[in-house]
Amino acid sequence: MTARPAIRPVLAIAGASVAALVLAACGGGSSDTDAAANASQSSGALSHVHGLGVDPADGRVYVATHSGLYTVAKGQEPKLVGDRKDDFMGFTVIGENTFVASGHGAPDSDRPGNVGLIETKDAGRTWSSRSLSGEADFHSLDSAKGTVYGYEGGRIRVSSDLKSWDDRATLNALDLAVNPSGDKLLATTAEGVVASTDGGRTFGKGAEPVQAFVSWPAEKSLFGIDTSGKLSSSADGGKTWKELTTVPGGQPQALTAVNANHVLAATMTGVYESRDGGKTFSELAPLAS
């Protein structure tokens, strides 16, 4: 669809913002982010969030960050899970106590710069390498029907066994979301949300509005957050969107919808939770400034 002239400047700014987020996500740790991560370790605060999830085994909220995986709960200090202070980039919950992730080994560890795909079956206390160790750095991960979809190195990669990967479309994206039935995959780009109906082999043209992150917990409950923190929902797979609210804290860092009512978002100031379908949010944990 052709944008109306009055909307073009807004879309251009939003597209540029998504492009900037893409570049930031693809870059390595800077001295500023490393300093923030070190500060978060000493202060108990979080910094530089890359992923969010809830363990269906107990409802606990997990936050994947530049300096490890943490659990958070309202009114409590964030707690580091295990002793692995790696840079968790891609992260998703795939079952009870079972998560998959990717990223970079901590500087003082013997793990590679790119850890490939790793898996935990004890809610993050211990991790095992499943594939692509030393090779891949997935910046977005999602799963449906036993299949994992990842975005790594500018391409969509898909695996049904966490060992072998099928390389599919190449594109410049920030985030992925697959619907629960596994027959439609979305990616956020500077041109808008693009959709694939063939498992990420091909994608259509970008559709407005431009979103930074998307999450798809139920067929008729798709959520998207733009670069300013404005949260919207879609009941038709992204064809039309309804604006819900603006999450506190401005620019988003991550978004995960557990179901149609339970939504988690991380912005520049904190990790926030909604229990009413994204209409209102309360802070679970602050982020280090």
C-alpha atoms as a PDB file:
ATOM      1  CA  MET A   1       0.000   0.000   0.000  1.00  0.00           C
ATOM      2  CA  THR A   2       1.255   3.524  -0.861  1.00  0.00           C
ATOM      3  CA  ALA A   3       1.604   5.780   2.157  1.00  0.00           C
ATOM      4  CA  ARG A   4      -0.171   9.120   2.182  1.00  0.00           C
ATOM      5  CA  PRO A   5       2.254  12.061   1.837  1.00  0.00           C
ATOM      6  CA  ALA A   6       1.576  13.307   5.377  1.00  0.00           C
ATOM      7  CA  ILE A   7       2.555   9.928   6.818  1.00  0.00           C
ATOM      8  CA  ARG A   8       5.813   9.506   4.904  1.00  0.00           C
ATOM      9  CA  PRO A   9       8.031  11.533   7.303  1.00  0.00           C
ATOM     10  CA  VAL A  10       6.729   9.544  10.289  1.00  0.00           C
ATOM     11  CA  LEU A  11       7.353   6.231   8.545  1.00  0.00           C
ATOM     12  CA  ALA A  12      10.794   7.387   7.463  1.00  0.00           C
ATOM     13  CA  ILE A  13      11.701   8.221  11.057  1.00  0.00           C
ATOM     14  CA  ALA A  14      10.265   4.925  12.329  1.00  0.00           C
ATOM     15  CA  GLY A  15      12.085   2.995   9.625  1.00  0.00           C
ATOM     16  CA  ALA A  16      15.343   4.720  10.471  1.00  0.00           C
ATOM     17  CA  SER A  17      14.784   3.918  14.145  1.00  0.00           C
ATOM     18  CA  VAL A  18      14.244   0.229  13.388  1.00  0.00           C
ATOM     19  CA  ALA A  19      17.337   0.259  11.176  1.00  0.00           C
ATOM     20  CA  ALA A  20      19.309   1.779  14.056  1.00  0.00           C
ATOM     21  CA  LEU A  21      17.969  -0.886  16.420  1.00  0.00           C
ATOM     22  CA  VAL A  22      19.008  -3.555  13.909  1.00  0.00           C
ATOM     23  CA  LEU A  23      22.530  -2.183  13.736  1.00  0.00           C
ATOM     24  CA  ALA A  24      22.750  -1.903  17.520  1.00  0.00           C
ATOM     25  CA  ALA A  25      21.503  -5.465  17.977  1.00  0.00           C
ATOM     26  CA  CYS A  26      24.000  -6.780  15.440  1.00  0.00           C
ATOM     27  CA  GLY A  27      26.954  -5.009  17.025  1.00  0.00           C
ATOM     28  CA  GLY A  28      29.213  -6.370  19.737  1.00  0.00           C
ATOM     29  CA  GLY A  29      29.370  -5.047  23.274  1.00  0.00           C
ATOM     30  CA  SER A  30      30.634  -1.457  23.538  1.00  0.00           C
ATOM     31  CA  SER A  31      32.456   0.071  26.464  1.00  0.00           C
ATOM     32  CA  ASP A  32      29.233   1.835  27.475  1.00  0.00           C
ATOM     33  CA  THR A  33      27.138  -1.318  27.465  1.00  0.00           C
ATOM     34  CA  ASP A  34      29.885  -3.265  29.188  1.00  0.00           C
ATOM     35  CA  ALA A  35      30.048  -0.594  31.882  1.00  0.00           C
ATOM     36  CA  ALA A  36      26.286  -0.716  32.302  1.00  0.00           C
ATOM     37  CA  ALA A  37      26.386  -4.493  32.518  1.00  0.00           C
ATOM     38  CA  ASN A  38      29.112  -4.347  35.176  1.00  0.00           C
ATOM     39  CA  ALA A  39      27.093  -1.771  37.105  1.00  0.00           C
ATOM     40  CA  SER A  40      24.009  -3.990  36.960  1.00  0.00           C
ATOM     41  CA  GLN A  41      25.958  -6.924  38.399  1.00  0.00           C
ATOM     42  CA  SER A  42      27.106  -4.884  41.375  1.00  0.00           C
ATOM     43  CA  SER A  43      23.836  -3.012  42.000  1.00  0.00           C
ATOM     44  CA  GLY A  44      21.348  -5.829  41.489  1.00  0.00           C
ATOM     45  CA  ALA A  45      19.722  -3.944  38.608  1.00  0.00           C
ATOM     46  CA  LEU A  46      19.320  -5.212  35.053  1.00  0.00           C
ATOM     47  CA  SER A  47      20.891  -3.766  31.932  1.00  0.00           C
ATOM     48  CA  HIS A  48      20.764  -4.329  28.159  1.00  0.00           C
ATOM     49  CA  VAL A  49      17.846  -6.762  27.841  1.00  0.00           C
ATOM     50  CA  HIS A  50      17.723  -9.100  24.825  1.00  0.00           C
ATOM     51  CA  GLY A  51      14.859 -11.449  25.657  1.00  0.00           C
ATOM     52  CA  LEU A  52      11.965 -12.227  27.989  1.00  0.00           C
ATOM     53  CA  GLY A  53      10.091 -15.398  28.843  1.00  0.00           C
ATOM     54  CA  VAL A  54       7.908 -17.189  31.367  1.00  0.00           C
ATOM     55  CA  ASP A  55       8.504 -20.776  32.447  1.00  0.00           C
ATOM     56  CA  PRO A  56       5.171 -22.647  32.176  1.00  0.00           C
ATOM     57  CA  ALA A  57       6.329 -24.926  34.983  1.00  0.00           C
ATOM     58  CA  ASP A  58       6.004 -22.244  37.665  1.00  0.00           C
ATOM     59  CA  GLY A  59       5.137 -18.911  36.008  1.00  0.00           C
ATOM     60  CA  ARG A  60       8.503 -17.384  36.807  1.00  0.00           C
ATOM     61  CA  VAL A  61       9.645 -14.494  34.597  1.00  0.00           C
ATOM     62  CA  TYR A  62      13.098 -14.727  32.978  1.00  0.00           C
ATOM     63  CA  VAL A  63      15.124 -11.858  31.531  1.00  0.00           C
ATOM     64  CA  ALA A  64      18.006 -12.551  29.123  1.00  0.00           C
ATOM     65  CA  THR A  65      20.619  -9.799  29.353  1.00  0.00           C
ATOM     66  CA  HIS A  66      24.105  -8.736  28.307  1.00  0.00           C
ATOM     67  CA  SER A  67      25.463 -10.242  31.526  1.00  0.00           C
ATOM     68  CA  GLY A  68      23.439 -13.380  32.192  1.00  0.00           C
ATOM     69  CA  LEU A  69      19.933 -14.769  32.633  1.00  0.00           C
ATOM     70  CA  TYR A  70      17.901 -13.366  35.533  1.00  0.00           C
ATOM     71  CA  THR A  71      14.578 -14.022  37.203  1.00  0.00           C
ATOM     72  CA  VAL A  72      12.450 -11.046  38.238  1.00  0.00           C
ATOM     73  CA  ALA A  73       9.409 -10.581  40.427  1.00  0.00           C
ATOM     74  CA  LYS A  74       7.652  -7.452  41.620  1.00  0.00           C
ATOM     75  CA  GLY A  75       9.185  -6.042  44.774  1.00  0.00           C
ATOM     76  CA  GLN A  76      12.253  -8.309  44.621  1.00  0.00           C
ATOM     77  CA  GLU A  77      15.834  -7.867  43.453  1.00  0.00           C
ATOM     78  CA  PRO A  78      16.643  -9.547  40.108  1.00  0.00           C
ATOM     79  CA  LYS A  79      18.408 -12.876  40.667  1.00  0.00           C
ATOM     80  CA  LEU A  80      21.099 -14.309  38.414  1.00  0.00           C
ATOM     81  CA  VAL A  81      20.242 -17.880  37.369  1.00  0.00           C
ATOM     82  CA  GLY A  82      23.231 -20.165  37.773  1.00  0.00           C
ATOM     83  CA  ASP A  83      26.683 -18.618  37.407  1.00  0.00           C
ATOM     84  CA  ARG A  84      26.799 -18.089  33.640  1.00  0.00           C
ATOM     85  CA  LYS A  85      27.263 -14.356  32.932  1.00  0.00           C
ATOM     86  CA  ASP A  86      27.283 -14.748  29.157  1.00  0.00           C
ATOM     87  CA  ASP A  87      25.747 -12.226  26.776  1.00  0.00           C
ATOM     88  CA  PHE A  88      22.384 -13.872  26.051  1.00  0.00           C
ATOM     89  CA  MET A  89      21.234 -12.536  22.676  1.00  0.00           C
ATOM     90  CA  GLY A  90      18.488 -14.761  21.233  1.00  0.00           C
ATOM     91  CA  PHE A  91      16.304 -16.402  23.891  1.00  0.00           C
ATOM     92  CA  THR A  92      12.987 -18.246  23.993  1.00  0.00           C
ATOM     93  CA  VAL A  93      11.107 -20.649  26.243  1.00  0.00           C
ATOM     94  CA  ILE A  94      10.151 -23.868  24.432  1.00  0.00           C
ATOM     95  CA  GLY A  95       8.664 -25.920  27.292  1.00  0.00           C
ATOM     96  CA  GLU A  96       8.570 -26.517  31.027  1.00  0.00           C
ATOM     97  CA  ASN A  97      12.028 -25.692  32.439  1.00  0.00           C
ATOM     98  CA  THR A  98      13.316 -25.800  28.849  1.00  0.00           C
ATOM     99  CA  PHE A  99      14.777 -22.781  27.060  1.00  0.00           C
ATOM    100  CA  VAL A 100      17.030 -22.236  24.051  1.00  0.00           C
ATOM    101  CA  ALA A 101      19.391 -19.314  23.639  1.00  0.00           C
ATOM    102  CA  SER A 102      22.364 -17.942  21.772  1.00  0.00           C
ATOM    103  CA  GLY A 103      24.923 -15.180  22.177  1.00  0.00           C
ATOM    104  CA  HIS A 104      28.491 -14.723  23.339  1.00  0.00           C
ATOM    105  CA  GLY A 105      30.574 -16.370  26.030  1.00  0.00           C
ATOM    106  CA  ALA A 106      31.600 -14.173  28.944  1.00  0.00           C
ATOM    107  CA  PRO A 107      35.122 -12.729  28.544  1.00  0.00           C
ATOM    108  CA  ASP A 108      36.432 -14.629  31.573  1.00  0.00           C
ATOM    109  CA  SER A 109      34.938 -17.978  30.458  1.00  0.00           C
ATOM    110  CA  ASP A 110      36.266 -20.691  28.172  1.00  0.00           C
ATOM    111  CA  ARG A 111      33.170 -20.473  25.966  1.00  0.00           C
ATOM    112  CA  PRO A 112      33.474 -19.258  22.364  1.00  0.00           C
ATOM    113  CA  GLY A 113      32.676 -15.745  21.159  1.00  0.00           C
ATOM    114  CA  ASN A 114      29.633 -17.164  19.389  1.00  0.00           C
ATOM    115  CA  VAL A 115      28.077 -19.945  21.453  1.00  0.00           C
ATOM    116  CA  GLY A 116      25.734 -21.188  18.696  1.00  0.00           C
ATOM    117  CA  LEU A 117      22.504 -22.703  19.978  1.00  0.00           C
ATOM    118  CA  ILE A 118      22.454 -23.733  23.627  1.00  0.00           C
ATOM    119  CA  GLU A 119      19.701 -25.420  25.622  1.00  0.00           C
ATOM    120  CA  THR A 120      18.733 -25.744  29.256  1.00  0.00           C
ATOM    121  CA  LYS A 121      16.351 -28.318  30.698  1.00  0.00           C
ATOM    122  CA  ASP A 122      16.604 -27.114  34.292  1.00  0.00           C
ATOM    123  CA  ALA A 123      15.323 -23.546  33.902  1.00  0.00           C
ATOM    124  CA  GLY A 124      18.678 -21.959  33.180  1.00  0.00           C
ATOM    125  CA  ARG A 125      20.819 -23.440  35.925  1.00  0.00           C
ATOM    126  CA  THR A 126      22.925 -25.435  33.451  1.00  0.00           C
ATOM    127  CA  TRP A 127      23.259 -25.256  29.669  1.00  0.00           C
ATOM    128  CA  SER A 128      24.443 -27.623  26.949  1.00  0.00           C
ATOM    129  CA  SER A 129      25.635 -26.848  23.435  1.00  0.00           C
ATOM    130  CA  ARG A 130      23.299 -28.223  20.790  1.00  0.00           C
ATOM    131  CA  SER A 131      24.743 -26.925  17.521  1.00  0.00           C
ATOM    132  CA  LEU A 132      26.836 -24.299  15.694  1.00  0.00           C
ATOM    133  CA  SER A 133      29.202 -23.662  18.617  1.00  0.00           C
ATOM    134  CA  GLY A 134      31.824 -21.108  17.611  1.00  0.00           C
ATOM    135  CA  GLU A 135      29.865 -20.269  14.471  1.00  0.00           C
ATOM    136  CA  ALA A 136      26.417 -18.792  15.021  1.00  0.00           C
ATOM    137  CA  ASP A 137      24.996 -15.901  17.008  1.00  0.00           C
ATOM    138  CA  PHE A 138      21.188 -15.921  16.833  1.00  0.00           C
ATOM    139  CA  HIS A 139      19.726 -12.501  17.648  1.00  0.00           C
ATOM    140  CA  SER A 140      16.115 -13.704  17.588  1.00  0.00           C
ATOM    141  CA  LEU A 141      14.613 -17.117  18.352  1.00  0.00           C
ATOM    142  CA  ASP A 142      11.039 -18.388  18.356  1.00  0.00           C
ATOM    143  CA  SER A 143       9.396 -21.798  18.164  1.00  0.00           C
ATOM    144  CA  ALA A 144       6.151 -23.558  17.275  1.00  0.00           C
ATOM    145  CA  LYS A 145       5.144 -27.188  16.867  1.00  0.00           C
ATOM    146  CA  GLY A 146       8.616 -28.445  17.784  1.00  0.00           C
ATOM    147  CA  THR A 147      10.391 -26.277  15.203  1.00  0.00           C
ATOM    148  CA  VAL A 148      12.800 -23.475  16.128  1.00  0.00           C
ATOM    149  CA  TYR A 149      13.104 -20.402  13.924  1.00  0.00           C
ATOM    150  CA  GLY A 150      16.176 -18.222  14.265  1.00  0.00           C
ATOM    151  CA  TYR A 151      17.571 -15.042  12.768  1.00  0.00           C
ATOM    152  CA  GLU A 152      21.336 -15.132  12.441  1.00  0.00           C
ATOM    153  CA  GLY A 153      23.786 -13.335  10.201  1.00  0.00           C
ATOM    154  CA  GLY A 154      21.056 -11.721   8.113  1.00  0.00           C
ATOM    155  CA  ARG A 155      19.224 -14.947   7.340  1.00  0.00           C
ATOM    156  CA  ILE A 156      16.393 -17.113   8.577  1.00  0.00           C
ATOM    157  CA  ARG A 157      17.547 -20.515   9.872  1.00  0.00           C
ATOM    158  CA  VAL A 158      15.169 -23.317  10.865  1.00  0.00           C
ATOM    159  CA  SER A 159      15.672 -26.525  12.852  1.00  0.00           C
ATOM    160  CA  SER A 160      13.381 -29.310  14.056  1.00  0.00           C
ATOM    161  CA  ASP A 161      16.030 -31.120  16.110  1.00  0.00           C
ATOM    162  CA  LEU A 162      18.275 -28.270  17.399  1.00  0.00           C
ATOM    163  CA  LYS A 163      21.184 -29.912  15.557  1.00  0.00           C
ATOM    164  CA  SER A 164      20.757 -29.457  11.815  1.00  0.00           C
ATOM    165  CA  TRP A 165      19.678 -26.169  10.260  1.00  0.00           C
ATOM    166  CA  ASP A 166      18.002 -25.221   7.004  1.00  0.00           C
ATOM    167  CA  ASP A 167      19.091 -21.801   5.749  1.00  0.00           C
ATOM    168  CA  ARG A 168      16.234 -19.890   4.156  1.00  0.00           C
ATOM    169  CA  ALA A 169      15.560 -16.235   3.250  1.00  0.00           C
ATOM    170  CA  THR A 170      18.076 -13.438   3.744  1.00  0.00           C
ATOM    171  CA  LEU A 171      16.802 -10.095   5.012  1.00  0.00           C
ATOM    172  CA  ASN A 172      17.685  -7.221   7.326  1.00  0.00           C
ATOM    173  CA  ALA A 173      15.437  -7.793  10.342  1.00  0.00           C
ATOM    174  CA  LEU A 174      15.317  -7.225  14.080  1.00  0.00           C
ATOM    175  CA  ASP A 175      12.783  -9.721  15.429  1.00  0.00           C
ATOM    176  CA  LEU A 176      10.841 -12.858  14.463  1.00  0.00           C
ATOM    177  CA  ALA A 177       7.475 -14.262  15.551  1.00  0.00           C
ATOM    178  CA  VAL A 178       5.795 -17.473  14.429  1.00  0.00           C
ATOM    179  CA  ASN A 179       2.112 -18.200  14.967  1.00  0.00           C
ATOM    180  CA  PRO A 180       1.142 -21.140  17.227  1.00  0.00           C
ATOM    181  CA  SER A 181       0.196 -23.363  14.287  1.00  0.00           C
ATOM    182  CA  GLY A 182       3.577 -22.737  12.693  1.00  0.00           C
ATOM    183  CA  ASP A 183       2.251 -21.802   9.255  1.00  0.00           C
ATOM    184  CA  LYS A 184       3.095 -18.078   9.279  1.00  0.00           C
ATOM    185  CA  LEU A 185       6.323 -16.309  10.201  1.00  0.00           C
ATOM    186  CA  LEU A 186       6.708 -12.564  10.712  1.00  0.00           C
ATOM    187  CA  ALA A 187       9.853 -10.436  10.750  1.00  0.00           C
ATOM    188  CA  THR A 188      10.222  -6.772  11.703  1.00  0.00           C
ATOM    189  CA  THR A 189      12.127  -4.620   9.217  1.00  0.00           C
ATOM    190  CA  ALA A 190      12.645  -0.909   8.506  1.00  0.00           C
ATOM    191  CA  GLU A 191      10.029  -1.242   5.750  1.00  0.00           C
ATOM    192  CA  GLY A 192       7.435  -2.708   8.106  1.00  0.00           C
ATOM    193  CA  VAL A 193       6.409  -6.189   9.213  1.00  0.00           C
ATOM    194  CA  VAL A 194       7.027  -8.793   6.497  1.00  0.00           C
ATOM    195  CA  ALA A 195       5.229 -12.146   6.417  1.00  0.00           C
ATOM    196  CA  SER A 196       6.159 -15.610   5.190  1.00  0.00           C
ATOM    197  CA  THR A 197       3.745 -18.485   4.621  1.00  0.00           C
ATOM    198  CA  ASP A 198       6.401 -20.973   3.517  1.00  0.00           C
ATOM    199  CA  GLY A 199       8.488 -21.281   6.667  1.00  0.00           C
ATOM    200  CA  GLY A 200      10.741 -18.309   6.039  1.00  0.00           C
ATOM    201  CA  ARG A 201      11.805 -19.218   2.512  1.00  0.00           C
ATOM    202  CA  THR A 202      10.205 -16.104   1.028  1.00  0.00           C
ATOM    203  CA  PHE A 203       8.636 -12.957   2.461  1.00  0.00           C
ATOM    204  CA  GLY A 204       6.125 -10.457   1.137  1.00  0.00           C
ATOM    205  CA  LYS A 205       6.417  -6.682   1.192  1.00  0.00           C
ATOM    206  CA  GLY A 206       6.575  -4.747   4.423  1.00  0.00           C
ATOM    207  CA  ALA A 207       3.242  -3.721   5.923  1.00  0.00           C
ATOM    208  CA  GLU A 208       2.470  -0.751   8.155  1.00  0.00           C
ATOM    209  CA  PRO A 209       2.734   0.034  10.976  1.00  0.00           C
ATOM    210  CA  VAL A 210       6.487  -0.340  11.451  1.00  0.00           C
ATOM    211  CA  GLN A 211       7.131  -2.476  14.555  1.00  0.00           C
ATOM    212  CA  ALA A 212      10.375  -3.104  16.425  1.00  0.00           C
ATOM    213  CA  PHE A 213       9.347  -6.365  18.129  1.00  0.00           C
ATOM    214  CA  VAL A 214       6.449  -8.780  17.687  1.00  0.00           C
ATOM    215  CA  SER A 215       5.097 -11.714  19.709  1.00  0.00           C
ATOM    216  CA  TRP A 216       2.352 -14.155  18.709  1.00  0.00           C
ATOM    217  CA  PRO A 217       0.989 -16.255  21.607  1.00  0.00           C
ATOM    218  CA  ALA A 218      -2.413 -17.168  20.103  1.00  0.00           C
ATOM    219  CA  GLU A 219      -3.820 -17.227  16.580  1.00  0.00           C
ATOM    220  CA  LYS A 220      -5.979 -14.149  17.175  1.00  0.00           C
ATOM    221  CA  SER A 221      -3.599 -12.410  19.583  1.00  0.00           C
ATOM    222  CA  LEU A 222      -0.543 -10.890  17.921  1.00  0.00           C
ATOM    223  CA  PHE A 223       1.287  -8.063  19.683  1.00  0.00           C
ATOM    224  CA  GLY A 224       3.723  -5.498  18.306  1.00  0.00           C
ATOM    225  CA  ILE A 225       5.682  -2.648  19.846  1.00  0.00           C
ATOM    226  CA  ASP A 226       7.119   0.225  17.821  1.00  0.00           C
ATOM    227  CA  THR A 227      10.352   2.137  18.379  1.00  0.00           C
ATOM    228  CA  SER A 228       8.703   4.614  20.761  1.00  0.00           C
ATOM    229  CA  GLY A 229       7.182   1.917  22.977  1.00  0.00           C
ATOM    230  CA  LYS A 230       3.667   2.071  21.554  1.00  0.00           C
ATOM    231  CA  LEU A 231       2.025  -1.343  21.921  1.00  0.00           C
ATOM    232  CA  SER A 232      -0.574  -2.594  19.436  1.00  0.00           C
ATOM    233  CA  SER A 233      -2.458  -5.839  18.904  1.00  0.00           C
ATOM    234  CA  SER A 234      -3.773  -7.638  15.842  1.00  0.00           C
ATOM    235  CA  ALA A 235      -6.485 -10.281  15.607  1.00  0.00           C
ATOM    236  CA  ASP A 236      -5.853 -11.062  11.929  1.00  0.00           C
ATOM    237  CA  GLY A 237      -2.170 -11.924  11.791  1.00  0.00           C
ATOM    238  CA  GLY A 238      -0.898  -8.398  11.252  1.00  0.00           C
ATOM    239  CA  LYS A 239      -3.253  -7.227   8.511  1.00  0.00           C
ATOM    240  CA  THR A 240      -4.790  -4.620  10.820  1.00  0.00           C
ATOM    241  CA  TRP A 241      -3.627  -3.294  14.187  1.00  0.00           C
ATOM    242  CA  LYS A 242      -5.290  -1.718  17.223  1.00  0.00           C
ATOM    243  CA  GLU A 243      -3.248   0.646  19.375  1.00  0.00           C
ATOM    244  CA  LEU A 244      -3.392  -0.316  23.068  1.00  0.00           C
ATOM    245  CA  THR A 245      -1.070   1.880  25.114  1.00  0.00           C
ATOM    246  CA  THR A 246       2.484   3.161  25.363  1.00  0.00           C
ATOM    247  CA  VAL A 247       4.720   1.097  27.631  1.00  0.00           C
ATOM    248  CA  PRO A 248       6.689   3.300  30.077  1.00  0.00           C
ATOM    249  CA  GLY A 249      10.341   3.926  29.320  1.00  0.00           C
ATOM    250  CA  GLY A 250      10.442   4.779  25.639  1.00  0.00           C
ATOM    251  CA  GLN A 251      12.450   2.683  23.173  1.00  0.00           C
ATOM    252  CA  PRO A 252      11.809  -1.060  23.619  1.00  0.00           C
ATOM    253  CA  GLN A 253      14.442  -3.738  24.078  1.00  0.00           C
ATOM    254  CA  ALA A 254      12.265  -6.878  24.051  1.00  0.00           C
ATOM    255  CA  LEU A 255       8.658  -8.057  23.891  1.00  0.00           C
ATOM    256  CA  THR A 256       7.058 -11.386  24.812  1.00  0.00           C
ATOM    257  CA  ALA A 257       3.363 -12.161  25.064  1.00  0.00           C
ATOM    258  CA  VAL A 258       2.734 -15.289  27.114  1.00  0.00           C
ATOM    259  CA  ASN A 259      -0.952 -15.394  26.160  1.00  0.00           C
ATOM    260  CA  ALA A 260      -3.683 -12.991  25.118  1.00  0.00           C
ATOM    261  CA  ASN A 261      -3.677 -11.346  28.558  1.00  0.00           C
ATOM    262  CA  HIS A 262      -0.115 -11.656  29.849  1.00  0.00           C
ATOM    263  CA  VAL A 263       2.404  -9.390  28.100  1.00  0.00           C
ATOM    264  CA  LEU A 264       6.004  -8.574  29.043  1.00  0.00           C
ATOM    265  CA  ALA A 265       8.025  -5.688  27.654  1.00  0.00           C
ATOM    266  CA  ALA A 266      11.480  -4.294  28.379  1.00  0.00           C
ATOM    267  CA  THR A 267      12.210  -0.641  27.616  1.00  0.00           C
ATOM    268  CA  MET A 268      15.077   1.696  28.457  1.00  0.00           C
ATOM    269  CA  THR A 269      13.902   2.071  32.058  1.00  0.00           C
ATOM    270  CA  GLY A 270      12.652  -1.334  33.128  1.00  0.00           C
ATOM    271  CA  VAL A 271      10.893  -4.637  32.622  1.00  0.00           C
ATOM    272  CA  TYR A 272       7.115  -4.169  32.614  1.00  0.00           C
ATOM    273  CA  GLU A 273       4.202  -6.585  32.860  1.00  0.00           C
ATOM    274  CA  SER A 274       0.562  -6.425  31.757  1.00  0.00           C
ATOM    275  CA  ARG A 275      -2.134  -8.810  32.941  1.00  0.00           C
ATOM    276  CA  ASP A 276      -4.989  -7.188  31.000  1.00  0.00           C
ATOM    277  CA  GLY A 277      -3.961  -7.783  27.410  1.00  0.00           C
ATOM    278  CA  GLY A 278      -1.586  -4.841  27.127  1.00  0.00           C
ATOM    279  CA  LYS A 279      -3.942  -2.103  28.331  1.00  0.00           C
ATOM    280  CA  THR A 280      -1.941  -1.254  31.460  1.00  0.00           C
ATOM    281  CA  PHE A 281       1.564  -2.113  32.671  1.00  0.00           C
ATOM    282  CA  SER A 282       3.338  -2.250  36.024  1.00  0.00           C
ATOM    283  CA  GLU A 283       7.077  -2.409  36.640  1.00  0.00           C
ATOM    284  CA  LEU A 284       8.620  -5.737  37.576  1.00  0.00           C
ATOM    285  CA  ALA A 285      12.216  -4.511  37.745  1.00  0.00           C
ATOM    286  CA  PRO A 286      14.111  -1.321  36.876  1.00  0.00           C
ATOM    287  CA  LEU A 287      16.995  -1.146  34.417  1.00  0.00           C
ATOM    288  CA  ALA A 288      20.318   0.441  35.300  1.00  0.00           C
ATOM    289  CA  SER A 289      20.717   3.870  33.729  1.00  0.00           C
END
